[in-house]
N, C-alpha and C. Protein backbone atom coordinates (compact mmCIF):
# COMPACT_ATOMS: atom_id res chain seq x y z
N UNK A 1 -4.66 127.46 164.48
CA UNK A 1 -5.47 126.56 164.78
C UNK A 1 -6.48 126.03 163.36
N UNK A 2 -6.63 125.36 163.10
CA UNK A 2 -7.69 124.98 161.91
C UNK A 2 -8.74 124.13 162.75
N UNK A 3 -9.91 124.97 162.42
CA UNK A 3 -11.18 124.42 163.20
C UNK A 3 -11.74 123.49 162.45
N UNK A 4 -11.63 123.23 161.28
CA UNK A 4 -12.35 122.55 160.29
C UNK A 4 -11.47 121.61 159.55
N UNK A 5 -10.63 120.60 159.74
CA UNK A 5 -10.00 120.13 158.64
C UNK A 5 -10.51 119.76 157.78
N UNK A 6 -11.60 118.65 157.92
CA UNK A 6 -12.04 117.95 156.90
C UNK A 6 -12.81 119.18 155.93
N UNK A 7 -13.38 120.08 156.35
CA UNK A 7 -13.63 121.01 155.17
C UNK A 7 -12.48 121.72 154.26
N UNK A 8 -11.60 121.88 155.11
CA UNK A 8 -10.31 122.32 154.42
C UNK A 8 -9.59 121.69 153.40
N UNK A 9 -9.67 120.17 154.21
CA UNK A 9 -9.08 119.04 152.90
C UNK A 9 -10.04 118.83 152.28
N UNK A 10 -11.32 119.41 152.19
CA UNK A 10 -12.32 119.33 150.73
C UNK A 10 -12.16 120.06 149.88
N UNK A 11 -11.43 121.36 150.33
CA UNK A 11 -11.39 122.33 149.29
C UNK A 11 -10.06 122.15 148.53
N UNK A 12 -9.05 121.76 149.36
CA UNK A 12 -7.62 121.35 149.18
C UNK A 12 -7.59 120.70 147.90
N UNK A 13 -8.67 119.45 148.44
CA UNK A 13 -8.46 118.34 147.11
C UNK A 13 -9.26 118.85 145.94
N UNK A 14 -10.19 119.97 146.07
CA UNK A 14 -10.85 120.33 144.89
C UNK A 14 -9.99 120.93 143.83
N UNK A 15 -8.92 121.72 144.64
CA UNK A 15 -8.25 122.06 143.73
C UNK A 15 -7.11 121.21 142.51
N UNK A 16 -7.59 119.78 143.03
CA UNK A 16 -6.57 118.99 141.73
C UNK A 16 -7.40 118.65 140.95
N UNK A 17 -8.87 119.13 141.04
CA UNK A 17 -9.84 118.77 139.59
C UNK A 17 -10.71 117.96 140.32
N UNK A 18 -11.78 117.61 139.86
CA UNK A 18 -12.73 116.74 139.75
C UNK A 18 -12.38 115.16 139.46
N UNK A 19 -13.52 114.30 139.84
CA UNK A 19 -13.17 112.97 139.54
C UNK A 19 -14.46 112.61 139.19
N UNK A 20 -14.72 112.01 138.18
CA UNK A 20 -16.18 111.42 138.08
C UNK A 20 -16.96 110.43 138.47
N UNK A 21 -16.07 109.43 139.41
CA UNK A 21 -16.60 108.77 140.22
C UNK A 21 -16.56 109.02 141.75
N UNK A 22 -16.13 110.04 142.01
CA UNK A 22 -15.84 110.64 143.27
C UNK A 22 -16.78 111.66 143.85
N UNK A 23 -17.32 111.85 145.22
CA UNK A 23 -17.92 112.95 145.74
C UNK A 23 -16.85 113.35 146.55
N UNK A 24 -16.67 114.94 146.19
CA UNK A 24 -15.36 115.98 146.89
C UNK A 24 -16.08 116.59 147.74
N UNK A 25 -17.03 116.61 148.31
CA UNK A 25 -17.75 117.67 149.60
C UNK A 25 -17.47 117.18 150.79
N UNK A 26 -17.50 118.15 151.80
CA UNK A 26 -16.89 118.03 152.97
C UNK A 26 -17.91 117.04 153.65
N UNK A 27 -18.96 116.66 153.27
CA UNK A 27 -19.71 115.39 154.11
C UNK A 27 -19.54 114.38 153.70
N UNK A 28 -18.44 114.08 152.28
CA UNK A 28 -18.05 112.76 151.94
C UNK A 28 -16.74 112.52 152.75
N UNK A 29 -15.95 113.53 152.67
CA UNK A 29 -14.97 113.24 153.52
C UNK A 29 -14.85 113.22 155.16
N UNK A 30 -16.11 113.71 155.79
CA UNK A 30 -16.61 113.58 156.99
C UNK A 30 -17.09 111.92 157.13
N UNK A 31 -17.74 111.50 156.31
CA UNK A 31 -17.92 110.31 156.20
C UNK A 31 -16.86 109.11 156.41
N UNK A 32 -15.78 109.42 155.11
CA UNK A 32 -14.55 108.47 154.87
C UNK A 32 -13.84 108.81 155.91
N UNK A 33 -13.48 109.89 156.71
CA UNK A 33 -12.42 109.68 157.82
C UNK A 33 -13.47 109.69 159.34
N UNK A 34 -14.50 109.80 159.62
CA UNK A 34 -14.88 109.76 160.88
C UNK A 34 -16.10 108.59 160.92
N UNK A 35 -16.50 108.26 159.79
CA UNK A 35 -17.86 107.17 159.88
C UNK A 35 -17.90 105.93 159.12
N UNK A 36 -16.57 105.55 158.77
CA UNK A 36 -16.50 104.47 157.87
C UNK A 36 -16.80 103.07 158.68
N UNK A 37 -16.87 102.29 158.10
CA UNK A 37 -17.35 100.68 158.50
C UNK A 37 -16.55 100.41 159.44
N UNK A 38 -15.55 100.53 159.00
CA UNK A 38 -14.07 100.06 160.20
C UNK A 38 -13.79 100.90 161.44
N UNK A 39 -14.42 102.33 161.65
CA UNK A 39 -14.26 103.00 162.50
C UNK A 39 -13.70 104.45 162.12
N UNK A 40 -13.05 105.17 162.78
CA UNK A 40 -12.76 106.46 162.38
C UNK A 40 -11.33 106.35 161.56
N UNK A 41 -11.24 106.69 160.78
CA UNK A 41 -9.83 107.05 160.04
C UNK A 41 -9.17 107.98 160.51
N UNK A 42 -7.87 108.31 159.45
CA UNK A 42 -7.13 109.49 159.84
C UNK A 42 -6.91 110.29 158.34
N UNK A 43 -6.74 111.50 158.65
CA UNK A 43 -6.20 112.44 157.76
C UNK A 43 -5.25 113.36 158.40
N UNK A 44 -4.02 113.31 157.67
CA UNK A 44 -3.03 114.28 157.94
C UNK A 44 -2.67 115.12 156.78
N UNK A 45 -2.79 116.37 156.80
CA UNK A 45 -2.86 117.62 156.56
C UNK A 45 -1.92 118.37 157.11
N UNK A 46 -1.16 118.80 156.15
CA UNK A 46 0.53 119.78 156.28
C UNK A 46 -0.14 121.47 155.66
N UNK A 47 0.45 122.16 156.66
CA UNK A 47 0.28 123.55 156.32
C UNK A 47 0.93 124.50 155.97
N UNK A 48 1.24 125.72 155.45
CA UNK A 48 2.11 126.49 155.49
C UNK A 48 1.19 127.98 155.67
N UNK A 49 1.33 128.01 157.34
CA UNK A 49 0.21 128.89 157.81
C UNK A 49 -1.28 128.55 157.50
N UNK A 50 -2.03 129.24 157.18
CA UNK A 50 -3.43 128.81 156.79
C UNK A 50 -3.70 127.74 155.78
N UNK A 51 -2.26 127.89 154.86
CA UNK A 51 -2.68 127.23 153.61
C UNK A 51 -2.25 125.85 153.49
N UNK A 52 -3.50 124.63 153.02
CA UNK A 52 -2.70 123.21 153.20
C UNK A 52 -1.64 122.95 152.14
N UNK A 53 -1.05 122.24 152.30
CA UNK A 53 0.16 122.13 151.19
C UNK A 53 0.31 120.71 150.97
N UNK A 54 0.19 119.61 151.53
CA UNK A 54 0.08 117.81 151.30
C UNK A 54 -1.15 117.39 151.90
N UNK A 55 -1.14 116.11 151.85
CA UNK A 55 -2.23 115.40 152.49
C UNK A 55 -2.05 113.72 152.32
N UNK A 56 -2.65 113.26 153.27
CA UNK A 56 -2.62 111.89 152.72
C UNK A 56 -3.69 111.12 154.02
N UNK A 57 -4.19 109.89 153.70
CA UNK A 57 -5.38 109.72 154.42
C UNK A 57 -5.16 108.30 154.45
N UNK A 58 -5.93 108.02 155.83
CA UNK A 58 -6.49 106.34 155.65
C UNK A 58 -8.10 106.11 156.03
N UNK A 59 -8.62 105.21 155.56
CA UNK A 59 -9.91 105.01 155.37
C UNK A 59 -10.13 103.49 155.95
N UNK A 60 -10.63 103.11 157.01
CA UNK A 60 -10.77 102.05 157.97
C UNK A 60 -11.99 101.15 157.40
N UNK A 61 -11.45 99.66 157.65
CA UNK A 61 -12.37 98.82 156.87
C UNK A 61 -12.35 97.37 157.64
N UNK A 62 -13.12 96.38 157.86
CA UNK A 62 -12.66 95.48 157.98
C UNK A 62 -12.69 94.31 156.64
N UNK A 63 -11.42 93.15 156.81
CA UNK A 63 -11.29 92.21 156.02
C UNK A 63 -11.44 90.78 156.53
N UNK A 64 -11.51 89.83 155.73
CA UNK A 64 -11.18 88.33 156.24
C UNK A 64 -10.27 88.04 155.72
N UNK A 65 -9.49 87.23 156.85
CA UNK A 65 -8.28 86.51 156.74
C UNK A 65 -8.41 85.44 157.42
N UNK A 66 -8.03 84.39 156.74
CA UNK A 66 -8.28 83.05 157.22
C UNK A 66 -9.49 82.85 158.47
N UNK A 67 -10.68 83.50 157.64
CA UNK A 67 -12.14 83.35 158.23
C UNK A 67 -12.06 84.11 159.66
N UNK A 68 -11.11 85.06 159.97
CA UNK A 68 -11.08 86.22 160.90
C UNK A 68 -11.39 87.43 160.42
N UNK A 69 -12.07 88.21 160.88
CA UNK A 69 -12.34 89.67 160.56
C UNK A 69 -11.13 90.57 161.07
N UNK A 70 -10.46 91.11 160.42
CA UNK A 70 -9.28 92.33 160.95
C UNK A 70 -9.33 93.43 160.34
N UNK A 71 -8.77 94.34 160.98
CA UNK A 71 -8.70 95.71 160.93
C UNK A 71 -8.03 96.29 159.74
N UNK A 72 -8.50 96.96 158.57
CA UNK A 72 -7.28 97.21 157.71
C UNK A 72 -7.59 98.53 157.21
N UNK A 73 -6.82 99.34 156.48
CA UNK A 73 -7.00 100.51 156.21
C UNK A 73 -6.43 100.42 154.43
N UNK A 74 -7.22 101.53 154.00
CA UNK A 74 -6.97 102.28 152.52
C UNK A 74 -6.21 103.04 152.56
N UNK A 75 -4.75 103.53 152.40
CA UNK A 75 -4.47 104.80 152.32
C UNK A 75 -4.79 105.49 151.19
N UNK A 76 -4.85 106.63 150.72
CA UNK A 76 -5.05 107.23 149.73
C UNK A 76 -5.07 108.85 150.08
N UNK A 77 -5.57 109.61 148.91
CA UNK A 77 -5.77 111.17 149.22
C UNK A 77 -4.49 111.72 149.60
N UNK A 78 -3.41 111.58 148.83
CA UNK A 78 -2.08 111.85 148.74
C UNK A 78 -2.16 112.64 147.73
N UNK A 79 -2.03 114.06 148.05
CA UNK A 79 -1.77 115.33 147.40
C UNK A 79 -0.68 116.24 147.85
N UNK A 80 0.14 117.02 146.65
CA UNK A 80 0.87 118.18 147.04
C UNK A 80 0.67 119.06 146.50
N UNK A 81 0.54 120.23 146.86
CA UNK A 81 0.02 121.09 146.36
C UNK A 81 1.72 121.44 145.46
N UNK A 82 1.65 121.63 143.98
CA UNK A 82 2.56 122.03 143.26
C UNK A 82 3.62 122.46 143.50
N UNK A 83 3.43 123.89 144.27
CA UNK A 83 4.14 124.75 144.76
C UNK A 83 5.24 124.48 146.15
N UNK A 84 4.66 122.92 146.36
CA UNK A 84 5.65 122.46 147.59
C UNK A 84 6.05 121.47 147.33
N UNK A 85 6.19 120.73 146.21
CA UNK A 85 6.84 119.60 145.82
C UNK A 85 8.24 119.28 145.96
N UNK A 86 8.85 118.06 146.20
CA UNK A 86 10.32 118.06 146.26
C UNK A 86 10.96 118.87 147.96
N UNK A 87 9.92 118.74 148.76
CA UNK A 87 10.35 118.82 150.32
C UNK A 87 10.07 117.85 151.40
N UNK A 88 9.73 116.70 150.82
CA UNK A 88 9.10 115.44 151.75
C UNK A 88 8.05 115.29 152.39
N UNK A 89 7.13 116.37 151.86
CA UNK A 89 5.91 116.28 152.43
C UNK A 89 4.74 114.99 152.06
N UNK A 90 4.95 114.36 150.95
CA UNK A 90 4.61 113.54 150.75
C UNK A 90 4.96 112.38 151.85
N UNK A 91 6.19 112.14 151.97
CA UNK A 91 6.59 111.10 152.62
C UNK A 91 6.18 110.97 154.18
N UNK A 92 6.14 112.49 154.32
CA UNK A 92 5.92 112.67 155.96
C UNK A 92 4.45 112.49 155.80
N UNK A 93 3.42 112.97 155.21
CA UNK A 93 2.23 112.63 155.12
C UNK A 93 2.08 110.86 155.20
N UNK A 94 2.58 110.37 154.27
CA UNK A 94 2.25 108.70 154.23
C UNK A 94 2.59 108.45 155.42
N UNK A 95 4.08 108.55 156.19
CA UNK A 95 4.40 108.06 157.15
C UNK A 95 3.86 108.23 158.43
N UNK A 96 2.87 109.87 158.64
CA UNK A 96 2.16 109.58 159.71
C UNK A 96 0.85 108.82 159.72
N UNK A 97 0.52 108.50 158.52
CA UNK A 97 -0.75 107.72 158.43
C UNK A 97 -0.18 106.10 158.69
N UNK A 98 0.75 105.69 158.43
CA UNK A 98 1.47 104.37 158.90
C UNK A 98 1.80 104.33 160.32
N UNK A 99 2.22 105.25 160.94
CA UNK A 99 2.21 105.31 162.32
C UNK A 99 1.02 105.58 163.03
N UNK A 100 0.11 105.93 162.40
CA UNK A 100 -1.31 106.06 162.91
C UNK A 100 -1.88 104.64 162.99
N UNK A 101 -1.44 104.00 161.91
CA UNK A 101 -2.18 102.43 161.68
C UNK A 101 -1.56 101.66 162.56
N UNK A 102 -0.27 101.82 162.83
CA UNK A 102 0.57 100.74 163.39
C UNK A 102 -0.11 101.02 165.27
N UNK A 103 -0.26 102.58 165.50
CA UNK A 103 -0.48 102.68 167.22
C UNK A 103 -2.12 102.13 167.37
N UNK A 104 -2.68 102.10 166.15
CA UNK A 104 -4.32 101.89 166.32
C UNK A 104 -4.76 100.28 165.96
N UNK A 105 -3.58 99.02 165.80
CA UNK A 105 -3.86 98.30 165.94
C UNK A 105 -4.30 97.74 164.50
N UNK A 106 -4.21 98.52 163.48
CA UNK A 106 -4.48 98.48 161.73
C UNK A 106 -3.71 97.12 161.48
N UNK A 107 -4.10 95.88 161.12
CA UNK A 107 -3.30 95.32 160.70
C UNK A 107 -2.79 94.97 159.09
N UNK A 108 -3.17 95.47 158.62
CA UNK A 108 -2.66 95.84 157.25
C UNK A 108 -3.13 97.36 156.22
N UNK A 109 -2.28 98.03 155.55
CA UNK A 109 -2.44 98.99 154.86
C UNK A 109 -2.09 98.95 153.51
N UNK A 110 -3.41 99.00 152.84
CA UNK A 110 -3.08 98.88 151.30
C UNK A 110 -3.53 100.27 150.45
N UNK A 111 -3.19 100.16 149.25
CA UNK A 111 -3.41 101.07 148.25
C UNK A 111 -3.43 100.94 147.04
N UNK A 112 -4.26 101.64 146.40
CA UNK A 112 -4.06 101.75 144.99
C UNK A 112 -3.93 102.95 143.99
N UNK A 113 -2.36 103.43 144.30
CA UNK A 113 -1.89 104.57 143.65
C UNK A 113 -2.22 105.00 142.28
N UNK A 114 -2.58 106.20 142.02
CA UNK A 114 -2.27 106.35 140.89
C UNK A 114 -1.11 106.65 140.03
N UNK A 115 -0.78 106.81 138.77
CA UNK A 115 0.55 107.12 138.31
C UNK A 115 1.26 108.52 139.19
N UNK A 116 0.48 109.70 139.35
CA UNK A 116 1.22 110.68 139.84
C UNK A 116 2.00 110.13 141.33
N UNK A 117 1.02 109.25 142.35
CA UNK A 117 1.65 108.98 143.45
C UNK A 117 2.65 107.75 143.46
N UNK A 118 2.25 106.69 142.64
CA UNK A 118 3.06 105.56 142.29
C UNK A 118 4.63 105.41 142.81
N UNK A 119 5.06 106.48 141.88
CA UNK A 119 6.73 106.75 142.01
C UNK A 119 7.03 106.94 143.28
N UNK A 120 5.98 107.49 144.22
CA UNK A 120 6.40 108.38 145.55
C UNK A 120 6.64 107.08 146.41
N UNK A 121 5.57 106.28 146.29
CA UNK A 121 5.53 104.94 147.23
C UNK A 121 6.55 103.96 146.82
N UNK A 122 6.94 104.04 145.40
CA UNK A 122 7.98 102.71 145.02
C UNK A 122 9.41 103.40 145.59
N UNK A 123 9.76 104.83 144.97
CA UNK A 123 10.97 105.34 145.69
C UNK A 123 11.33 106.00 146.77
N UNK A 124 10.37 106.33 147.40
CA UNK A 124 10.21 107.02 149.04
C UNK A 124 9.96 105.72 150.06
N UNK A 125 9.27 105.02 149.85
CA UNK A 125 8.83 104.35 151.16
C UNK A 125 8.96 103.11 150.51
């Protein structure tokens, strides 16, 4: 059982290197997935025993369409440990996020994938 998935994710995320514009602390990810303006988000992690192997997450927001506020989510934080690539984990994680969005009334999911994840979205999803 994983007692603190946010902390485990922050540590997993840190293995992919820093980012000059992003805070990579557990506190940031706690806010992103548990205290975002649109309400709680969703973080999907896969594990090989105690070792995180892949991730994807949704952070919720409100957007205005035709003068109405609607619940939307940004998908991101898609990472797969290089030792676990080519096993369908990216697709599994993203699909889990989309299922969560559908079940929770999120009307639109959008993303801004980087070069590493764009091919997975285009070719697999």
